[in-house]
Amino acid sequence: MKTSARDKRQDGIARSISRDDLAGLPIRRYEGRACLAATAHDLEDALADIRQERVVGFDTETRPAFRKGESYLPCLAQVATARAVYLFQLRGQEVFPVLAELLASPRIVKTGVALAHDLRQLKLLFPFNEKNVIDLGSVARRGGHGQSGVRNLAGIFLGWRIPKGARTSNWAAPRLSPAQMTYAATDAWVCRELFLRFESLGLLPANPGNPAAPES
């Protein structure tokens, strides 16, 4: 990828990436443990792991709408730790206390892209008061990056291309396919990896739990 000096930050990171350059990057998918938290035992294991973390990647998936005026609430929430990505189907209320505890925890950073919308939609399913949330898109924009989507950020900061394959699949299906699980896990995992990269570059605010919270 060729960029001029003015197109780069002082740390050498490009401020943007072209569609052709993004297409030329190697594809990366999550290859670790993706766990569908469906039973009470699964939820206990997921929460025990999550409680060990200082930062998790967070994302949601929603059934796509193809008609004007049609909309749906999130069907799936994904949480990435250092050891696994947990997938929470939002059809049953038993997952809500786990997610509410995580989102309200002041100790654990929840990081992702475009989280303001995700959180607003989740609040239509269950109540919580989010704390220590960092929107990486907001951080990128404040750092002078016009492209703030997760795939562009992965290309710029990580040198990876994240595939879009299952984006418009039916996330409300009772059973998720292996492709859906990998796609969903990848998005949450990449958000955590981006946070760690931002942190290593000194791009995060000194008090990360407040200034970089999602923009409304």
N, C-alpha and C. Protein backbone atom coordinates (compact mmCIF):
# COMPACT_ATOMS: atom_id res chain seq x y z
N MET A 1 0.85 -1.18 0.00
CA MET A 1 0.00 0.00 0.00
C MET A 1 0.89 1.24 0.00
N LYS A 2 0.75 2.10 -1.00
CA LYS A 2 1.57 3.30 -1.11
C LYS A 2 0.82 4.48 -0.54
N THR A 3 1.48 5.17 0.39
CA THR A 3 0.87 6.36 0.97
C THR A 3 1.92 7.44 1.06
N SER A 4 1.49 8.69 0.92
CA SER A 4 2.41 9.80 1.06
C SER A 4 2.64 10.09 2.53
N ALA A 5 3.66 10.92 2.83
CA ALA A 5 3.97 11.23 4.22
C ALA A 5 2.78 11.89 4.91
N ARG A 6 2.04 12.73 4.20
CA ARG A 6 0.91 13.43 4.84
C ARG A 6 -0.27 12.52 5.07
N ASP A 7 -0.27 11.34 4.41
CA ASP A 7 -1.34 10.38 4.62
C ASP A 7 -1.07 9.45 5.80
N LYS A 8 0.08 9.65 6.47
CA LYS A 8 0.44 8.80 7.59
C LYS A 8 0.50 9.60 8.88
N ARG A 9 0.24 8.91 9.98
CA ARG A 9 0.44 9.51 11.28
C ARG A 9 1.93 9.55 11.59
N GLN A 10 2.29 10.20 12.66
CA GLN A 10 3.70 10.25 13.06
C GLN A 10 4.25 8.88 13.40
N ASP A 11 3.38 7.96 13.81
CA ASP A 11 3.84 6.61 14.14
C ASP A 11 3.91 5.71 12.91
N GLY A 12 3.68 6.28 11.72
CA GLY A 12 3.78 5.51 10.49
C GLY A 12 2.53 4.77 10.08
N ILE A 13 1.47 4.87 10.86
CA ILE A 13 0.21 4.20 10.53
C ILE A 13 -0.54 5.02 9.49
N ALA A 14 -1.01 4.36 8.44
CA ALA A 14 -1.78 5.06 7.40
C ALA A 14 -3.08 5.59 7.99
N ARG A 15 -3.54 6.72 7.47
CA ARG A 15 -4.79 7.31 7.95
C ARG A 15 -6.01 6.68 7.27
N SER A 16 -5.80 6.05 6.14
CA SER A 16 -6.91 5.41 5.43
C SER A 16 -6.37 4.26 4.60
N ILE A 17 -7.27 3.48 4.05
CA ILE A 17 -6.88 2.36 3.19
C ILE A 17 -7.86 2.28 2.03
N SER A 18 -7.35 2.06 0.84
CA SER A 18 -8.21 1.98 -0.34
C SER A 18 -8.87 0.61 -0.42
N ARG A 19 -9.93 0.53 -1.19
CA ARG A 19 -10.62 -0.74 -1.36
C ARG A 19 -9.70 -1.78 -1.98
N ASP A 20 -8.88 -1.36 -2.97
CA ASP A 20 -7.97 -2.29 -3.62
C ASP A 20 -6.90 -2.79 -2.65
N ASP A 21 -6.36 -1.87 -1.84
CA ASP A 21 -5.34 -2.28 -0.87
C ASP A 21 -5.92 -3.21 0.19
N LEU A 22 -7.14 -2.93 0.60
CA LEU A 22 -7.79 -3.80 1.58
C LEU A 22 -8.00 -5.19 0.99
N ALA A 23 -8.42 -5.24 -0.26
CA ALA A 23 -8.66 -6.52 -0.92
C ALA A 23 -7.38 -7.34 -1.06
N GLY A 24 -6.23 -6.67 -1.07
CA GLY A 24 -4.96 -7.36 -1.23
C GLY A 24 -4.36 -7.91 0.05
N LEU A 25 -4.98 -7.61 1.18
CA LEU A 25 -4.45 -8.07 2.46
C LEU A 25 -4.83 -9.53 2.72
N PRO A 26 -4.04 -10.23 3.51
CA PRO A 26 -4.38 -11.63 3.85
C PRO A 26 -5.64 -11.70 4.70
N ILE A 27 -6.47 -12.69 4.44
CA ILE A 27 -7.69 -12.88 5.21
C ILE A 27 -7.36 -13.51 6.55
N ARG A 28 -7.99 -13.00 7.60
CA ARG A 28 -7.86 -13.59 8.92
C ARG A 28 -9.25 -13.84 9.49
N ARG A 29 -9.42 -15.02 10.06
CA ARG A 29 -10.64 -15.37 10.78
C ARG A 29 -10.24 -15.85 12.17
N TYR A 30 -11.17 -15.79 13.08
CA TYR A 30 -10.91 -16.31 14.42
C TYR A 30 -10.74 -17.82 14.35
N GLU A 31 -9.66 -18.32 14.93
CA GLU A 31 -9.37 -19.75 14.89
C GLU A 31 -9.33 -20.37 16.27
N GLY A 32 -9.71 -19.61 17.28
CA GLY A 32 -9.70 -20.13 18.64
C GLY A 32 -11.00 -20.81 19.01
N ARG A 33 -11.29 -20.83 20.29
CA ARG A 33 -12.46 -21.53 20.81
C ARG A 33 -13.67 -20.60 20.77
N ALA A 34 -14.67 -20.98 19.99
CA ALA A 34 -15.93 -20.24 19.92
C ALA A 34 -16.99 -21.06 20.65
N CYS A 35 -17.55 -20.50 21.71
CA CYS A 35 -18.45 -21.25 22.58
C CYS A 35 -19.85 -20.66 22.54
N LEU A 36 -20.81 -21.48 22.17
CA LEU A 36 -22.20 -21.06 22.21
C LEU A 36 -22.71 -21.28 23.64
N ALA A 37 -22.97 -20.20 24.35
CA ALA A 37 -23.39 -20.28 25.76
C ALA A 37 -24.89 -20.51 25.81
N ALA A 38 -25.28 -21.78 25.86
CA ALA A 38 -26.70 -22.12 25.76
C ALA A 38 -27.29 -22.68 27.05
N THR A 39 -26.49 -23.38 27.85
CA THR A 39 -27.00 -24.00 29.07
C THR A 39 -26.55 -23.20 30.29
N ALA A 40 -27.13 -23.52 31.44
CA ALA A 40 -26.73 -22.84 32.68
C ALA A 40 -25.25 -23.06 32.96
N HIS A 41 -24.77 -24.26 32.69
CA HIS A 41 -23.34 -24.56 32.89
C HIS A 41 -22.48 -23.73 31.94
N ASP A 42 -22.91 -23.61 30.67
CA ASP A 42 -22.18 -22.79 29.70
C ASP A 42 -22.09 -21.34 30.18
N LEU A 43 -23.20 -20.82 30.68
CA LEU A 43 -23.23 -19.43 31.13
C LEU A 43 -22.32 -19.21 32.34
N GLU A 44 -22.30 -20.17 33.24
CA GLU A 44 -21.41 -20.07 34.40
C GLU A 44 -19.94 -20.06 33.96
N ASP A 45 -19.59 -20.95 33.01
CA ASP A 45 -18.23 -21.01 32.51
C ASP A 45 -17.85 -19.71 31.81
N ALA A 46 -18.77 -19.19 30.99
CA ALA A 46 -18.50 -17.95 30.27
C ALA A 46 -18.27 -16.80 31.23
N LEU A 47 -19.13 -16.68 32.24
CA LEU A 47 -19.02 -15.58 33.18
C LEU A 47 -17.74 -15.69 34.01
N ALA A 48 -17.36 -16.91 34.37
CA ALA A 48 -16.11 -17.11 35.13
C ALA A 48 -14.91 -16.64 34.32
N ASP A 49 -14.91 -16.93 33.03
CA ASP A 49 -13.80 -16.51 32.17
C ASP A 49 -13.82 -14.99 31.99
N ILE A 50 -14.99 -14.46 31.70
CA ILE A 50 -15.13 -13.02 31.48
C ILE A 50 -14.67 -12.22 32.70
N ARG A 51 -14.98 -12.71 33.88
CA ARG A 51 -14.61 -11.99 35.11
C ARG A 51 -13.10 -11.89 35.31
N GLN A 52 -12.34 -12.73 34.61
CA GLN A 52 -10.88 -12.68 34.72
C GLN A 52 -10.25 -11.59 33.86
N GLU A 53 -11.04 -11.01 32.96
CA GLU A 53 -10.49 -10.11 31.95
C GLU A 53 -10.45 -8.66 32.40
N ARG A 54 -9.52 -7.90 31.84
CA ARG A 54 -9.54 -6.44 31.99
C ARG A 54 -10.15 -5.81 30.75
N VAL A 55 -10.20 -6.51 29.61
CA VAL A 55 -10.81 -5.98 28.39
C VAL A 55 -11.38 -7.13 27.58
N VAL A 56 -12.58 -6.93 27.05
CA VAL A 56 -13.21 -7.91 26.16
C VAL A 56 -13.66 -7.20 24.88
N GLY A 57 -13.61 -7.92 23.79
CA GLY A 57 -14.21 -7.44 22.55
C GLY A 57 -15.70 -7.70 22.59
N PHE A 58 -16.50 -6.76 22.08
CA PHE A 58 -17.95 -6.90 22.18
C PHE A 58 -18.59 -6.53 20.85
N ASP A 59 -19.59 -7.31 20.46
CA ASP A 59 -20.31 -7.04 19.21
C ASP A 59 -21.67 -7.71 19.29
N THR A 60 -22.57 -7.32 18.40
CA THR A 60 -23.87 -7.99 18.28
C THR A 60 -24.17 -8.26 16.82
N GLU A 61 -25.07 -9.18 16.59
CA GLU A 61 -25.58 -9.46 15.24
C GLU A 61 -27.09 -9.37 15.26
N THR A 62 -27.65 -8.86 14.17
CA THR A 62 -29.09 -8.66 14.05
C THR A 62 -29.58 -9.26 12.74
N ARG A 63 -30.73 -9.86 12.78
CA ARG A 63 -31.35 -10.39 11.56
C ARG A 63 -31.47 -9.28 10.53
N PRO A 64 -31.00 -9.51 9.30
CA PRO A 64 -31.05 -8.44 8.29
C PRO A 64 -32.48 -8.11 7.89
N ALA A 65 -32.71 -6.86 7.57
CA ALA A 65 -34.01 -6.38 7.11
C ALA A 65 -33.89 -5.99 5.64
N PHE A 66 -34.77 -6.51 4.81
CA PHE A 66 -34.71 -6.27 3.38
C PHE A 66 -35.87 -5.43 2.85
N ARG A 67 -36.83 -5.10 3.73
CA ARG A 67 -37.98 -4.30 3.31
C ARG A 67 -37.96 -2.96 4.01
N LYS A 68 -38.47 -1.94 3.35
CA LYS A 68 -38.54 -0.60 3.92
C LYS A 68 -39.38 -0.61 5.18
N GLY A 69 -38.86 -0.01 6.25
CA GLY A 69 -39.57 0.05 7.51
C GLY A 69 -39.43 -1.17 8.38
N GLU A 70 -38.76 -2.20 7.87
CA GLU A 70 -38.58 -3.44 8.62
C GLU A 70 -37.33 -3.33 9.49
N SER A 71 -37.42 -3.77 10.74
CA SER A 71 -36.26 -3.75 11.63
C SER A 71 -36.41 -4.84 12.67
N TYR A 72 -35.29 -5.24 13.24
CA TYR A 72 -35.27 -6.30 14.24
C TYR A 72 -34.32 -5.91 15.36
N LEU A 73 -34.53 -6.52 16.52
CA LEU A 73 -33.63 -6.34 17.64
C LEU A 73 -32.48 -7.34 17.52
N PRO A 74 -31.38 -7.12 18.21
CA PRO A 74 -30.24 -8.05 18.12
C PRO A 74 -30.64 -9.48 18.45
N CYS A 75 -30.02 -10.40 17.75
CA CYS A 75 -30.27 -11.83 17.96
C CYS A 75 -29.12 -12.51 18.70
N LEU A 76 -27.95 -11.89 18.64
CA LEU A 76 -26.75 -12.53 19.15
C LEU A 76 -25.82 -11.47 19.73
N ALA A 77 -25.18 -11.78 20.85
CA ALA A 77 -24.13 -10.94 21.41
C ALA A 77 -22.86 -11.77 21.52
N GLN A 78 -21.71 -11.17 21.16
CA GLN A 78 -20.44 -11.88 21.17
C GLN A 78 -19.48 -11.18 22.11
N VAL A 79 -18.80 -11.96 22.92
CA VAL A 79 -17.84 -11.43 23.89
C VAL A 79 -16.53 -12.20 23.73
N ALA A 80 -15.45 -11.47 23.43
CA ALA A 80 -14.15 -12.10 23.21
C ALA A 80 -13.23 -11.85 24.40
N THR A 81 -12.74 -12.94 24.99
CA THR A 81 -11.71 -12.86 26.02
C THR A 81 -10.38 -13.29 25.39
N ALA A 82 -9.36 -13.39 26.21
CA ALA A 82 -8.06 -13.83 25.71
C ALA A 82 -8.06 -15.32 25.37
N ARG A 83 -9.06 -16.05 25.86
CA ARG A 83 -9.06 -17.50 25.72
C ARG A 83 -10.17 -18.05 24.83
N ALA A 84 -11.22 -17.28 24.62
CA ALA A 84 -12.36 -17.79 23.86
C ALA A 84 -13.24 -16.63 23.42
N VAL A 85 -14.17 -16.93 22.51
CA VAL A 85 -15.25 -16.00 22.18
C VAL A 85 -16.56 -16.68 22.54
N TYR A 86 -17.36 -16.00 23.34
CA TYR A 86 -18.64 -16.55 23.79
C TYR A 86 -19.76 -15.93 22.99
N LEU A 87 -20.65 -16.79 22.49
CA LEU A 87 -21.78 -16.36 21.68
C LEU A 87 -23.06 -16.57 22.49
N PHE A 88 -23.80 -15.48 22.69
CA PHE A 88 -25.01 -15.51 23.49
C PHE A 88 -26.22 -15.26 22.59
N GLN A 89 -27.02 -16.30 22.35
CA GLN A 89 -28.25 -16.09 21.60
C GLN A 89 -29.26 -15.40 22.50
N LEU A 90 -29.90 -14.37 21.97
CA LEU A 90 -30.75 -13.49 22.78
C LEU A 90 -32.22 -13.88 22.72
N ARG A 91 -32.48 -15.15 22.48
CA ARG A 91 -33.87 -15.63 22.44
C ARG A 91 -34.40 -15.95 23.83
N GLY A 92 -33.50 -16.29 24.77
CA GLY A 92 -33.92 -16.66 26.11
C GLY A 92 -33.39 -15.67 27.15
N GLN A 93 -34.17 -15.39 28.15
CA GLN A 93 -33.81 -14.38 29.14
C GLN A 93 -32.69 -14.83 30.06
N GLU A 94 -32.34 -16.11 30.05
CA GLU A 94 -31.30 -16.59 30.97
C GLU A 94 -29.93 -15.98 30.67
N VAL A 95 -29.72 -15.48 29.46
CA VAL A 95 -28.43 -14.87 29.13
C VAL A 95 -28.35 -13.41 29.58
N PHE A 96 -29.49 -12.79 29.83
CA PHE A 96 -29.51 -11.35 30.11
C PHE A 96 -28.72 -10.97 31.37
N PRO A 97 -28.84 -11.70 32.50
CA PRO A 97 -28.07 -11.31 33.68
C PRO A 97 -26.55 -11.35 33.45
N VAL A 98 -26.09 -12.31 32.66
CA VAL A 98 -24.65 -12.41 32.37
C VAL A 98 -24.19 -11.18 31.60
N LEU A 99 -24.93 -10.81 30.57
CA LEU A 99 -24.55 -9.65 29.77
C LEU A 99 -24.71 -8.36 30.55
N ALA A 100 -25.75 -8.27 31.36
CA ALA A 100 -25.97 -7.05 32.16
C ALA A 100 -24.83 -6.85 33.15
N GLU A 101 -24.37 -7.94 33.78
CA GLU A 101 -23.24 -7.82 34.71
C GLU A 101 -21.99 -7.34 33.98
N LEU A 102 -21.72 -7.92 32.83
CA LEU A 102 -20.54 -7.52 32.06
C LEU A 102 -20.62 -6.05 31.67
N LEU A 103 -21.73 -5.65 31.08
CA LEU A 103 -21.85 -4.30 30.55
C LEU A 103 -21.81 -3.25 31.67
N ALA A 104 -22.24 -3.61 32.85
CA ALA A 104 -22.25 -2.66 33.98
C ALA A 104 -20.97 -2.68 34.78
N SER A 105 -20.06 -3.60 34.47
CA SER A 105 -18.83 -3.71 35.27
C SER A 105 -17.91 -2.52 35.02
N PRO A 106 -17.52 -1.79 36.07
CA PRO A 106 -16.58 -0.68 35.87
C PRO A 106 -15.14 -1.15 35.71
N ARG A 107 -14.89 -2.41 36.02
CA ARG A 107 -13.52 -2.93 35.99
C ARG A 107 -13.13 -3.45 34.61
N ILE A 108 -14.09 -4.00 33.87
CA ILE A 108 -13.79 -4.63 32.58
C ILE A 108 -14.11 -3.66 31.45
N VAL A 109 -13.14 -3.40 30.59
CA VAL A 109 -13.36 -2.58 29.40
C VAL A 109 -14.13 -3.41 28.37
N LYS A 110 -15.20 -2.83 27.85
CA LYS A 110 -15.92 -3.42 26.73
C LYS A 110 -15.58 -2.59 25.49
N THR A 111 -15.01 -3.22 24.49
CA THR A 111 -14.55 -2.45 23.34
C THR A 111 -15.11 -3.02 22.04
N GLY A 112 -15.42 -2.12 21.12
CA GLY A 112 -15.98 -2.53 19.84
C GLY A 112 -16.11 -1.33 18.93
N VAL A 113 -16.88 -1.47 17.88
CA VAL A 113 -17.09 -0.40 16.90
C VAL A 113 -18.59 -0.17 16.75
N ALA A 114 -18.98 1.10 16.73
CA ALA A 114 -20.40 1.50 16.62
C ALA A 114 -21.21 0.90 17.76
N LEU A 115 -20.68 0.96 18.96
CA LEU A 115 -21.33 0.33 20.10
C LEU A 115 -22.56 1.10 20.60
N ALA A 116 -22.64 2.39 20.33
CA ALA A 116 -23.78 3.16 20.81
C ALA A 116 -25.09 2.56 20.32
N HIS A 117 -25.14 2.21 19.05
CA HIS A 117 -26.36 1.61 18.49
C HIS A 117 -26.62 0.25 19.10
N ASP A 118 -25.56 -0.57 19.23
CA ASP A 118 -25.73 -1.89 19.82
C ASP A 118 -26.31 -1.80 21.22
N LEU A 119 -25.79 -0.88 22.02
CA LEU A 119 -26.25 -0.76 23.40
C LEU A 119 -27.68 -0.26 23.48
N ARG A 120 -28.03 0.69 22.61
CA ARG A 120 -29.42 1.16 22.60
C ARG A 120 -30.38 0.02 22.27
N GLN A 121 -30.01 -0.80 21.32
CA GLN A 121 -30.88 -1.92 20.94
C GLN A 121 -30.95 -2.97 22.03
N LEU A 122 -29.84 -3.24 22.67
CA LEU A 122 -29.85 -4.24 23.74
C LEU A 122 -30.73 -3.79 24.91
N LYS A 123 -30.79 -2.48 25.16
CA LYS A 123 -31.61 -1.98 26.27
C LYS A 123 -33.10 -2.18 26.01
N LEU A 124 -33.47 -2.46 24.78
CA LEU A 124 -34.86 -2.79 24.48
C LEU A 124 -35.18 -4.24 24.85
N LEU A 125 -34.12 -5.02 25.11
CA LEU A 125 -34.28 -6.41 25.51
C LEU A 125 -34.15 -6.60 27.02
N PHE A 126 -33.21 -5.88 27.64
CA PHE A 126 -33.01 -6.01 29.08
C PHE A 126 -32.33 -4.74 29.60
N PRO A 127 -32.56 -4.40 30.89
CA PRO A 127 -32.00 -3.16 31.43
C PRO A 127 -30.56 -3.33 31.89
N PHE A 128 -29.76 -2.29 31.73
CA PHE A 128 -28.40 -2.25 32.26
C PHE A 128 -27.91 -0.81 32.17
N ASN A 129 -26.90 -0.49 32.96
CA ASN A 129 -26.22 0.80 32.89
C ASN A 129 -24.77 0.54 32.53
N GLU A 130 -24.43 0.79 31.29
CA GLU A 130 -23.09 0.44 30.82
C GLU A 130 -22.01 1.33 31.45
N LYS A 131 -20.88 0.71 31.72
CA LYS A 131 -19.71 1.41 32.25
C LYS A 131 -18.46 0.90 31.55
N ASN A 132 -17.48 1.78 31.44
CA ASN A 132 -16.17 1.42 30.90
C ASN A 132 -16.29 0.82 29.49
N VAL A 133 -16.96 1.56 28.62
CA VAL A 133 -17.14 1.15 27.22
C VAL A 133 -16.28 2.04 26.32
N ILE A 134 -15.55 1.43 25.41
CA ILE A 134 -14.72 2.20 24.48
C ILE A 134 -15.12 1.86 23.05
N ASP A 135 -15.51 2.89 22.31
CA ASP A 135 -15.83 2.72 20.89
C ASP A 135 -14.58 3.03 20.08
N LEU A 136 -14.03 2.03 19.44
CA LEU A 136 -12.78 2.18 18.69
C LEU A 136 -12.94 3.09 17.48
N GLY A 137 -14.15 3.13 16.93
CA GLY A 137 -14.39 4.04 15.82
C GLY A 137 -14.26 5.49 16.26
N SER A 138 -14.77 5.80 17.46
CA SER A 138 -14.63 7.15 18.00
C SER A 138 -13.17 7.49 18.24
N VAL A 139 -12.42 6.54 18.79
CA VAL A 139 -10.99 6.76 19.04
C VAL A 139 -10.27 7.03 17.73
N ALA A 140 -10.59 6.24 16.70
CA ALA A 140 -9.93 6.41 15.40
C ALA A 140 -10.24 7.77 14.80
N ARG A 141 -11.51 8.19 14.87
CA ARG A 141 -11.87 9.49 14.30
C ARG A 141 -11.16 10.62 15.03
N ARG A 142 -11.07 10.52 16.34
CA ARG A 142 -10.37 11.56 17.10
C ARG A 142 -8.87 11.57 16.77
N GLY A 143 -8.35 10.46 16.28
CA GLY A 143 -6.96 10.39 15.89
C GLY A 143 -6.71 10.77 14.45
N GLY A 144 -7.77 11.23 13.74
CA GLY A 144 -7.60 11.70 12.38
C GLY A 144 -7.89 10.68 11.30
N HIS A 145 -8.52 9.56 11.66
CA HIS A 145 -8.84 8.53 10.68
C HIS A 145 -10.29 8.70 10.23
N GLY A 146 -10.49 8.91 8.95
CA GLY A 146 -11.84 9.08 8.43
C GLY A 146 -12.58 7.76 8.32
N GLN A 147 -11.85 6.66 8.19
CA GLN A 147 -12.47 5.34 8.08
C GLN A 147 -12.48 4.71 9.47
N SER A 148 -13.67 4.41 9.96
CA SER A 148 -13.76 3.94 11.34
C SER A 148 -14.54 2.64 11.47
N GLY A 149 -14.83 1.96 10.35
CA GLY A 149 -15.48 0.66 10.41
C GLY A 149 -14.48 -0.41 10.83
N VAL A 150 -15.00 -1.50 11.38
CA VAL A 150 -14.10 -2.52 11.92
C VAL A 150 -13.20 -3.12 10.84
N ARG A 151 -13.71 -3.29 9.62
CA ARG A 151 -12.88 -3.91 8.59
C ARG A 151 -11.79 -2.97 8.09
N ASN A 152 -12.11 -1.70 7.94
CA ASN A 152 -11.07 -0.74 7.57
C ASN A 152 -10.02 -0.61 8.68
N LEU A 153 -10.46 -0.56 9.92
CA LEU A 153 -9.52 -0.44 11.03
C LEU A 153 -8.62 -1.67 11.12
N ALA A 154 -9.19 -2.85 10.87
CA ALA A 154 -8.36 -4.07 10.89
C ALA A 154 -7.31 -4.02 9.79
N GLY A 155 -7.70 -3.50 8.62
CA GLY A 155 -6.74 -3.38 7.53
C GLY A 155 -5.64 -2.39 7.84
N ILE A 156 -6.00 -1.24 8.40
CA ILE A 156 -5.03 -0.18 8.68
C ILE A 156 -4.09 -0.56 9.82
N PHE A 157 -4.66 -1.06 10.92
CA PHE A 157 -3.87 -1.24 12.14
C PHE A 157 -3.32 -2.66 12.31
N LEU A 158 -3.99 -3.65 11.72
CA LEU A 158 -3.56 -5.03 11.92
C LEU A 158 -3.02 -5.68 10.65
N GLY A 159 -3.31 -5.07 9.49
CA GLY A 159 -2.85 -5.64 8.23
C GLY A 159 -3.61 -6.88 7.82
N TRP A 160 -4.86 -7.00 8.27
CA TRP A 160 -5.70 -8.16 7.95
C TRP A 160 -6.93 -7.72 7.17
N ARG A 161 -7.47 -8.67 6.41
CA ARG A 161 -8.77 -8.47 5.77
C ARG A 161 -9.76 -9.42 6.42
N ILE A 162 -10.83 -8.85 6.95
CA ILE A 162 -11.85 -9.64 7.63
C ILE A 162 -12.97 -9.93 6.65
N PRO A 163 -13.26 -11.20 6.37
CA PRO A 163 -14.29 -11.53 5.38
C PRO A 163 -15.69 -11.13 5.84
N LYS A 164 -16.57 -10.88 4.87
CA LYS A 164 -17.94 -10.45 5.16
C LYS A 164 -18.96 -11.56 4.94
N GLY A 165 -18.52 -12.74 4.61
CA GLY A 165 -19.36 -13.82 4.11
C GLY A 165 -20.73 -13.99 4.73
N ALA A 166 -20.82 -14.12 6.06
CA ALA A 166 -22.10 -14.47 6.70
C ALA A 166 -22.85 -13.26 7.23
N ARG A 167 -22.47 -12.05 6.82
CA ARG A 167 -23.04 -10.84 7.42
C ARG A 167 -24.55 -10.78 7.31
N THR A 168 -25.12 -11.15 6.17
CA THR A 168 -26.56 -11.02 5.96
C THR A 168 -27.29 -12.36 6.14
N SER A 169 -26.70 -13.28 6.87
CA SER A 169 -27.38 -14.55 7.11
C SER A 169 -28.44 -14.38 8.19
N ASN A 170 -29.23 -15.43 8.43
CA ASN A 170 -30.32 -15.35 9.41
C ASN A 170 -29.79 -15.59 10.82
N TRP A 171 -29.53 -14.49 11.54
CA TRP A 171 -29.00 -14.60 12.88
C TRP A 171 -30.06 -15.03 13.89
N ALA A 172 -31.32 -15.05 13.48
CA ALA A 172 -32.38 -15.49 14.38
C ALA A 172 -32.61 -16.99 14.32
N ALA A 173 -31.86 -17.70 13.48
CA ALA A 173 -32.03 -19.15 13.36
C ALA A 173 -31.72 -19.83 14.70
N PRO A 174 -32.52 -20.83 15.08
CA PRO A 174 -32.26 -21.53 16.35
C PRO A 174 -30.88 -22.16 16.41
N ARG A 175 -30.39 -22.64 15.27
CA ARG A 175 -29.06 -23.24 15.19
C ARG A 175 -28.17 -22.39 14.29
N LEU A 176 -27.03 -22.00 14.79
CA LEU A 176 -26.09 -21.24 13.99
C LEU A 176 -25.15 -22.20 13.27
N SER A 177 -24.87 -21.88 12.02
CA SER A 177 -23.95 -22.71 11.25
C SER A 177 -22.51 -22.45 11.70
N PRO A 178 -21.59 -23.36 11.39
CA PRO A 178 -20.18 -23.11 11.71
C PRO A 178 -19.68 -21.81 11.08
N ALA A 179 -20.14 -21.50 9.87
CA ALA A 179 -19.71 -20.26 9.21
C ALA A 179 -20.22 -19.04 9.98
N GLN A 180 -21.46 -19.09 10.45
CA GLN A 180 -22.01 -17.98 11.24
C GLN A 180 -21.23 -17.82 12.54
N MET A 181 -20.92 -18.90 13.21
CA MET A 181 -20.20 -18.83 14.47
C MET A 181 -18.80 -18.24 14.28
N THR A 182 -18.14 -18.65 13.21
CA THR A 182 -16.81 -18.11 12.95
C THR A 182 -16.87 -16.63 12.63
N TYR A 183 -17.83 -16.24 11.80
CA TYR A 183 -17.99 -14.82 11.44
C TYR A 183 -18.25 -13.98 12.68
N ALA A 184 -19.19 -14.41 13.50
CA ALA A 184 -19.56 -13.65 14.69
C ALA A 184 -18.39 -13.58 15.67
N ALA A 185 -17.70 -14.69 15.87
CA ALA A 185 -16.56 -14.71 16.78
C ALA A 185 -15.44 -13.81 16.28
N THR A 186 -15.24 -13.79 14.96
CA THR A 186 -14.17 -12.98 14.39
C THR A 186 -14.36 -11.50 14.68
N ASP A 187 -15.58 -11.01 14.54
CA ASP A 187 -15.82 -9.58 14.78
C ASP A 187 -15.48 -9.18 16.21
N ALA A 188 -15.89 -9.98 17.19
CA ALA A 188 -15.59 -9.64 18.58
C ALA A 188 -14.09 -9.77 18.86
N TRP A 189 -13.49 -10.81 18.33
CA TRP A 189 -12.04 -11.04 18.51
C TRP A 189 -11.22 -9.90 17.92
N VAL A 190 -11.59 -9.46 16.72
CA VAL A 190 -10.86 -8.37 16.07
C VAL A 190 -10.96 -7.09 16.90
N CYS A 191 -12.12 -6.84 17.49
CA CYS A 191 -12.26 -5.64 18.32
C CYS A 191 -11.30 -5.68 19.50
N ARG A 192 -11.15 -6.82 20.11
CA ARG A 192 -10.19 -6.93 21.22
C ARG A 192 -8.76 -6.74 20.73
N GLU A 193 -8.43 -7.33 19.59
CA GLU A 193 -7.09 -7.18 19.02
C GLU A 193 -6.82 -5.72 18.66
N LEU A 194 -7.81 -5.03 18.13
CA LEU A 194 -7.64 -3.62 17.80
C LEU A 194 -7.41 -2.79 19.05
N PHE A 195 -8.15 -3.07 20.12
CA PHE A 195 -7.93 -2.35 21.37
C PHE A 195 -6.48 -2.49 21.83
N LEU A 196 -5.98 -3.73 21.81
CA LEU A 196 -4.61 -3.96 22.26
C LEU A 196 -3.61 -3.24 21.36
N ARG A 197 -3.91 -3.18 20.07
CA ARG A 197 -3.03 -2.45 19.14
C ARG A 197 -3.08 -0.94 19.41
N PHE A 198 -4.28 -0.42 19.58
CA PHE A 198 -4.43 1.00 19.93
C PHE A 198 -3.67 1.32 21.21
N GLU A 199 -3.81 0.42 22.18
CA GLU A 199 -3.14 0.62 23.47
C GLU A 199 -1.63 0.67 23.28
N SER A 200 -1.08 -0.25 22.48
CA SER A 200 0.37 -0.29 22.27
C SER A 200 0.88 0.95 21.56
N LEU A 201 0.02 1.60 20.75
CA LEU A 201 0.40 2.80 20.02
C LEU A 201 0.13 4.08 20.82
N GLY A 202 -0.44 3.93 22.01
CA GLY A 202 -0.74 5.10 22.82
C GLY A 202 -1.90 5.92 22.31
N LEU A 203 -2.85 5.28 21.64
CA LEU A 203 -3.98 6.01 21.07
C LEU A 203 -5.17 6.14 22.02
N LEU A 204 -5.15 5.40 23.11
CA LEU A 204 -6.28 5.44 24.03
C LEU A 204 -6.11 6.56 25.04
N PRO A 205 -7.21 7.12 25.52
CA PRO A 205 -7.12 8.20 26.51
C PRO A 205 -6.57 7.67 27.83
N ALA A 206 -6.08 8.59 28.65
CA ALA A 206 -5.50 8.20 29.94
C ALA A 206 -6.53 7.54 30.84
N ASN A 207 -7.78 8.00 30.75
CA ASN A 207 -8.88 7.40 31.51
C ASN A 207 -9.84 6.75 30.53
N PRO A 208 -9.50 5.54 30.05
CA PRO A 208 -10.22 4.98 28.91
C PRO A 208 -11.67 4.67 29.12
N GLY A 209 -12.13 4.56 30.36
CA GLY A 209 -13.51 4.17 30.58
C GLY A 209 -14.53 5.25 30.28
N ASN A 210 -14.11 6.52 30.14
CA ASN A 210 -15.09 7.58 29.95
C ASN A 210 -14.95 8.35 28.64
N PRO A 211 -13.76 8.95 28.33
CA PRO A 211 -13.71 9.83 27.17
C PRO A 211 -14.01 9.14 25.85
N ALA A 212 -13.74 7.86 25.74
CA ALA A 212 -13.93 7.19 24.45
C ALA A 212 -15.20 6.37 24.42
N ALA A 213 -16.11 6.65 25.30
CA ALA A 213 -17.38 5.92 25.30
C ALA A 213 -18.12 6.20 23.99
N PRO A 214 -19.05 5.30 23.60
CA PRO A 214 -19.72 5.46 22.32
C PRO A 214 -20.39 6.81 22.18
N GLU A 215 -20.33 7.35 20.99
CA GLU A 215 -21.00 8.61 20.71
C GLU A 215 -22.47 8.35 20.46
N SER A 216 -23.32 9.21 20.92
CA SER A 216 -24.76 9.02 20.69
C SER A 216 -25.17 9.72 19.41
